[in-house]
Amino acid sequence: MPWPTLPDIKNQCVIDADNTSDDVLLDVYLLAARDHISQKLNRKLYDLTSDIALDPITKLPLEPTDLALDMPAGDSIHLACLLVVAHWYVNRESTSTLTVKEVPMAFNALLEPYRVIPI
């Protein structure tokens, strides 16, 4: 599954499709979320498996940490991206006078199985 599109994000954030007032902000959040997820996983992420450089003999990725969104992990990464973008959209500051907000636990639960832990 590819990265979420702007319509996907608007649906997640419950924003009318014809409301374009925050489109630029949502695009920035999407780019930041992609980077955030890549850093969280310690992986280079690709849209398609065919974009990953393979060893010509073994046909395995040259970098074992490379991961594509059309692999089984892609659904979890797609959903985690939607969750974090919506969280950032609703909670534009890290704290308020009422409470401290954290990224939802579901974000971490979706990504943790695919995280590469450096040795």
C-alpha atoms as a PDB file:
ATOM      1  CA  MET A   1       0.000   0.000   0.000  1.00  0.00           C
ATOM      2  CA  PRO A   2       1.455   3.405  -0.943  1.00  0.00           C
ATOM      3  CA  TRP A   3       1.838   6.403   1.307  1.00  0.00           C
ATOM      4  CA  PRO A   4      -1.464   8.087   2.144  1.00  0.00           C
ATOM      5  CA  THR A   5      -2.765  10.624  -0.347  1.00  0.00           C
ATOM      6  CA  LEU A   6      -4.191  14.022   0.542  1.00  0.00           C
ATOM      7  CA  PRO A   7      -7.762  12.656   0.251  1.00  0.00           C
ATOM      8  CA  ASP A   8      -6.801   9.783   2.608  1.00  0.00           C
ATOM      9  CA  ILE A   9      -5.435  12.275   5.120  1.00  0.00           C
ATOM     10  CA  LYS A  10      -8.486  14.544   4.869  1.00  0.00           C
ATOM     11  CA  ASN A  11     -10.713  11.546   5.487  1.00  0.00           C
ATOM     12  CA  GLN A  12      -8.655  10.551   8.542  1.00  0.00           C
ATOM     13  CA  CYS A  13      -8.761  14.124   9.879  1.00  0.00           C
ATOM     14  CA  VAL A  14     -12.491  14.467   9.061  1.00  0.00           C
ATOM     15  CA  ILE A  15     -11.912  17.413   6.720  1.00  0.00           C
ATOM     16  CA  ASP A  16     -14.327  17.988   3.834  1.00  0.00           C
ATOM     17  CA  ALA A  17     -12.734  17.152   0.492  1.00  0.00           C
ATOM     18  CA  ASP A  18     -13.583  20.601  -0.897  1.00  0.00           C
ATOM     19  CA  ASN A  19     -11.936  22.402   2.047  1.00  0.00           C
ATOM     20  CA  THR A  20      -8.460  23.287   0.786  1.00  0.00           C
ATOM     21  CA  SER A  21      -7.484  25.750   3.524  1.00  0.00           C
ATOM     22  CA  ASP A  22      -5.063  23.322   5.219  1.00  0.00           C
ATOM     23  CA  ASP A  23      -3.823  21.366   2.193  1.00  0.00           C
ATOM     24  CA  VAL A  24      -0.314  22.827   2.313  1.00  0.00           C
ATOM     25  CA  LEU A  25      -0.061  22.108   6.038  1.00  0.00           C
ATOM     26  CA  LEU A  26      -1.269  18.531   5.527  1.00  0.00           C
ATOM     27  CA  ASP A  27       1.325  18.026   2.782  1.00  0.00           C
ATOM     28  CA  VAL A  28       4.042  19.242   5.152  1.00  0.00           C
ATOM     29  CA  TYR A  29       2.772  16.870   7.843  1.00  0.00           C
ATOM     30  CA  LEU A  30       2.831  13.991   5.361  1.00  0.00           C
ATOM     31  CA  LEU A  31       6.447  14.672   4.395  1.00  0.00           C
ATOM     32  CA  ALA A  32       7.433  14.987   8.048  1.00  0.00           C
ATOM     33  CA  ALA A  33       5.560  11.778   8.912  1.00  0.00           C
ATOM     34  CA  ARG A  34       7.369   9.871   6.172  1.00  0.00           C
ATOM     35  CA  ASP A  35      10.706  11.048   7.534  1.00  0.00           C
ATOM     36  CA  HIS A  36       9.636  10.380  11.129  1.00  0.00           C
ATOM     37  CA  ILE A  37       8.567   6.820  10.313  1.00  0.00           C
ATOM     38  CA  SER A  38      11.773   6.122   8.399  1.00  0.00           C
ATOM     39  CA  GLN A  39      13.832   7.341  11.365  1.00  0.00           C
ATOM     40  CA  LYS A  40      11.691   5.424  13.862  1.00  0.00           C
ATOM     41  CA  LEU A  41      12.212   2.213  11.901  1.00  0.00           C
ATOM     42  CA  ASN A  42      15.889   2.870  11.136  1.00  0.00           C
ATOM     43  CA  ARG A  43      15.087   1.917   7.546  1.00  0.00           C
ATOM     44  CA  LYS A  44      15.115   3.487   4.124  1.00  0.00           C
ATOM     45  CA  LEU A  45      11.549   3.266   2.827  1.00  0.00           C
ATOM     46  CA  TYR A  46      10.544   2.871  -0.801  1.00  0.00           C
ATOM     47  CA  ASP A  47       7.186   3.083  -2.521  1.00  0.00           C
ATOM     48  CA  LEU A  48       7.688  -0.168  -4.446  1.00  0.00           C
ATOM     49  CA  THR A  49       9.785  -3.294  -4.032  1.00  0.00           C
ATOM     50  CA  SER A  50      11.013  -2.729  -7.588  1.00  0.00           C
ATOM     51  CA  ASP A  51      12.657   0.520  -6.373  1.00  0.00           C
ATOM     52  CA  ILE A  52      14.988  -1.386  -4.018  1.00  0.00           C
ATOM     53  CA  ALA A  53      18.457  -2.132  -5.376  1.00  0.00           C
ATOM     54  CA  LEU A  54      19.020  -5.889  -5.496  1.00  0.00           C
ATOM     55  CA  ASP A  55      22.174  -7.968  -5.565  1.00  0.00           C
ATOM     56  CA  PRO A  56      22.342  -9.263  -9.152  1.00  0.00           C
ATOM     57  CA  ILE A  57      23.238 -12.788  -8.029  1.00  0.00           C
ATOM     58  CA  THR A  58      21.180 -13.391  -4.869  1.00  0.00           C
ATOM     59  CA  LYS A  59      18.294 -11.053  -5.827  1.00  0.00           C
ATOM     60  CA  LEU A  60      18.244  -9.919  -2.183  1.00  0.00           C
ATOM     61  CA  PRO A  61      18.270  -6.214  -1.253  1.00  0.00           C
ATOM     62  CA  LEU A  62      21.768  -4.737  -1.200  1.00  0.00           C
ATOM     63  CA  GLU A  63      20.764  -3.056   2.043  1.00  0.00           C
ATOM     64  CA  PRO A  64      18.913  -5.558   4.258  1.00  0.00           C
ATOM     65  CA  THR A  65      17.131  -2.724   6.077  1.00  0.00           C
ATOM     66  CA  ASP A  66      15.442  -1.436   2.896  1.00  0.00           C
ATOM     67  CA  LEU A  67      11.669  -1.778   3.047  1.00  0.00           C
ATOM     68  CA  ALA A  68       8.960  -1.072   0.463  1.00  0.00           C
ATOM     69  CA  LEU A  69       5.379  -0.076   1.113  1.00  0.00           C
ATOM     70  CA  ASP A  70       4.043  -2.762  -1.229  1.00  0.00           C
ATOM     71  CA  MET A  71       5.337  -5.396   1.191  1.00  0.00           C
ATOM     72  CA  PRO A  72       3.208  -6.768   4.079  1.00  0.00           C
ATOM     73  CA  ALA A  73       4.527  -4.043   6.406  1.00  0.00           C
ATOM     74  CA  GLY A  74       3.081  -1.408   4.079  1.00  0.00           C
ATOM     75  CA  ASP A  75      -0.429  -1.559   5.529  1.00  0.00           C
ATOM     76  CA  SER A  76       0.866  -0.899   9.049  1.00  0.00           C
ATOM     77  CA  ILE A  77       3.137   1.900   7.854  1.00  0.00           C
ATOM     78  CA  HIS A  78       0.272   3.469   5.875  1.00  0.00           C
ATOM     79  CA  LEU A  79      -2.011   3.435   8.924  1.00  0.00           C
ATOM     80  CA  ALA A  80       0.740   4.693  11.254  1.00  0.00           C
ATOM     81  CA  CYS A  81       1.306   7.585   8.843  1.00  0.00           C
ATOM     82  CA  LEU A  82      -2.392   8.481   8.880  1.00  0.00           C
ATOM     83  CA  LEU A  83      -2.460   8.305  12.680  1.00  0.00           C
ATOM     84  CA  VAL A  84       0.554  10.540  13.215  1.00  0.00           C
ATOM     85  CA  VAL A  85      -0.531  13.122  10.618  1.00  0.00           C
ATOM     86  CA  ALA A  86      -4.000  13.334  12.181  1.00  0.00           C
ATOM     87  CA  HIS A  87      -2.440  13.557  15.650  1.00  0.00           C
ATOM     88  CA  TRP A  88      -0.195  16.426  14.560  1.00  0.00           C
ATOM     89  CA  TYR A  89      -3.122  18.141  12.836  1.00  0.00           C
ATOM     90  CA  VAL A  90      -5.311  18.047  15.943  1.00  0.00           C
ATOM     91  CA  ASN A  91      -2.492  18.666  18.457  1.00  0.00           C
ATOM     92  CA  ARG A  92      -0.425  21.382  16.823  1.00  0.00           C
ATOM     93  CA  GLU A  93       1.579  22.040  19.949  1.00  0.00           C
ATOM     94  CA  SER A  94       3.268  19.421  22.122  1.00  0.00           C
ATOM     95  CA  THR A  95       1.660  20.684  25.328  1.00  0.00           C
ATOM     96  CA  SER A  96      -1.276  22.741  26.420  1.00  0.00           C
ATOM     97  CA  THR A  97      -2.476  24.174  29.688  1.00  0.00           C
ATOM     98  CA  LEU A  98      -4.764  21.159  30.022  1.00  0.00           C
ATOM     99  CA  THR A  99      -2.621  18.121  29.271  1.00  0.00           C
ATOM    100  CA  VAL A 100       0.475  16.780  27.604  1.00  0.00           C
ATOM    101  CA  LYS A 101      -0.302  14.929  24.375  1.00  0.00           C
ATOM    102  CA  GLU A 102       1.743  12.023  23.049  1.00  0.00           C
ATOM    103  CA  VAL A 103       1.650  10.244  19.726  1.00  0.00           C
ATOM    104  CA  PRO A 104      -1.013   7.545  20.040  1.00  0.00           C
ATOM    105  CA  MET A 105       0.169   4.130  21.237  1.00  0.00           C
ATOM    106  CA  ALA A 106      -1.190   2.595  18.029  1.00  0.00           C
ATOM    107  CA  PHE A 107       1.531   4.404  16.055  1.00  0.00           C
ATOM    108  CA  ASN A 108       4.277   2.639  18.001  1.00  0.00           C
ATOM    109  CA  ALA A 109       2.440  -0.688  18.029  1.00  0.00           C
ATOM    110  CA  LEU A 110       2.086  -0.620  14.225  1.00  0.00           C
ATOM    111  CA  LEU A 111       5.742   0.211  13.569  1.00  0.00           C
ATOM    112  CA  GLU A 112       7.637  -1.679  16.273  1.00  0.00           C
ATOM    113  CA  PRO A 113       7.610  -5.092  14.505  1.00  0.00           C
ATOM    114  CA  TYR A 114       9.417  -3.579  11.514  1.00  0.00           C
ATOM    115  CA  ARG A 115      11.979  -1.531  13.441  1.00  0.00           C
ATOM    116  CA  VAL A 116      15.639  -2.290  12.897  1.00  0.00           C
ATOM    117  CA  ILE A 117      17.575  -2.003  16.142  1.00  0.00           C
ATOM    118  CA  PRO A 118      21.209  -1.043  15.492  1.00  0.00           C
ATOM    119  CA  ILE A 119      23.755  -3.422  16.916  1.00  0.00           C
END
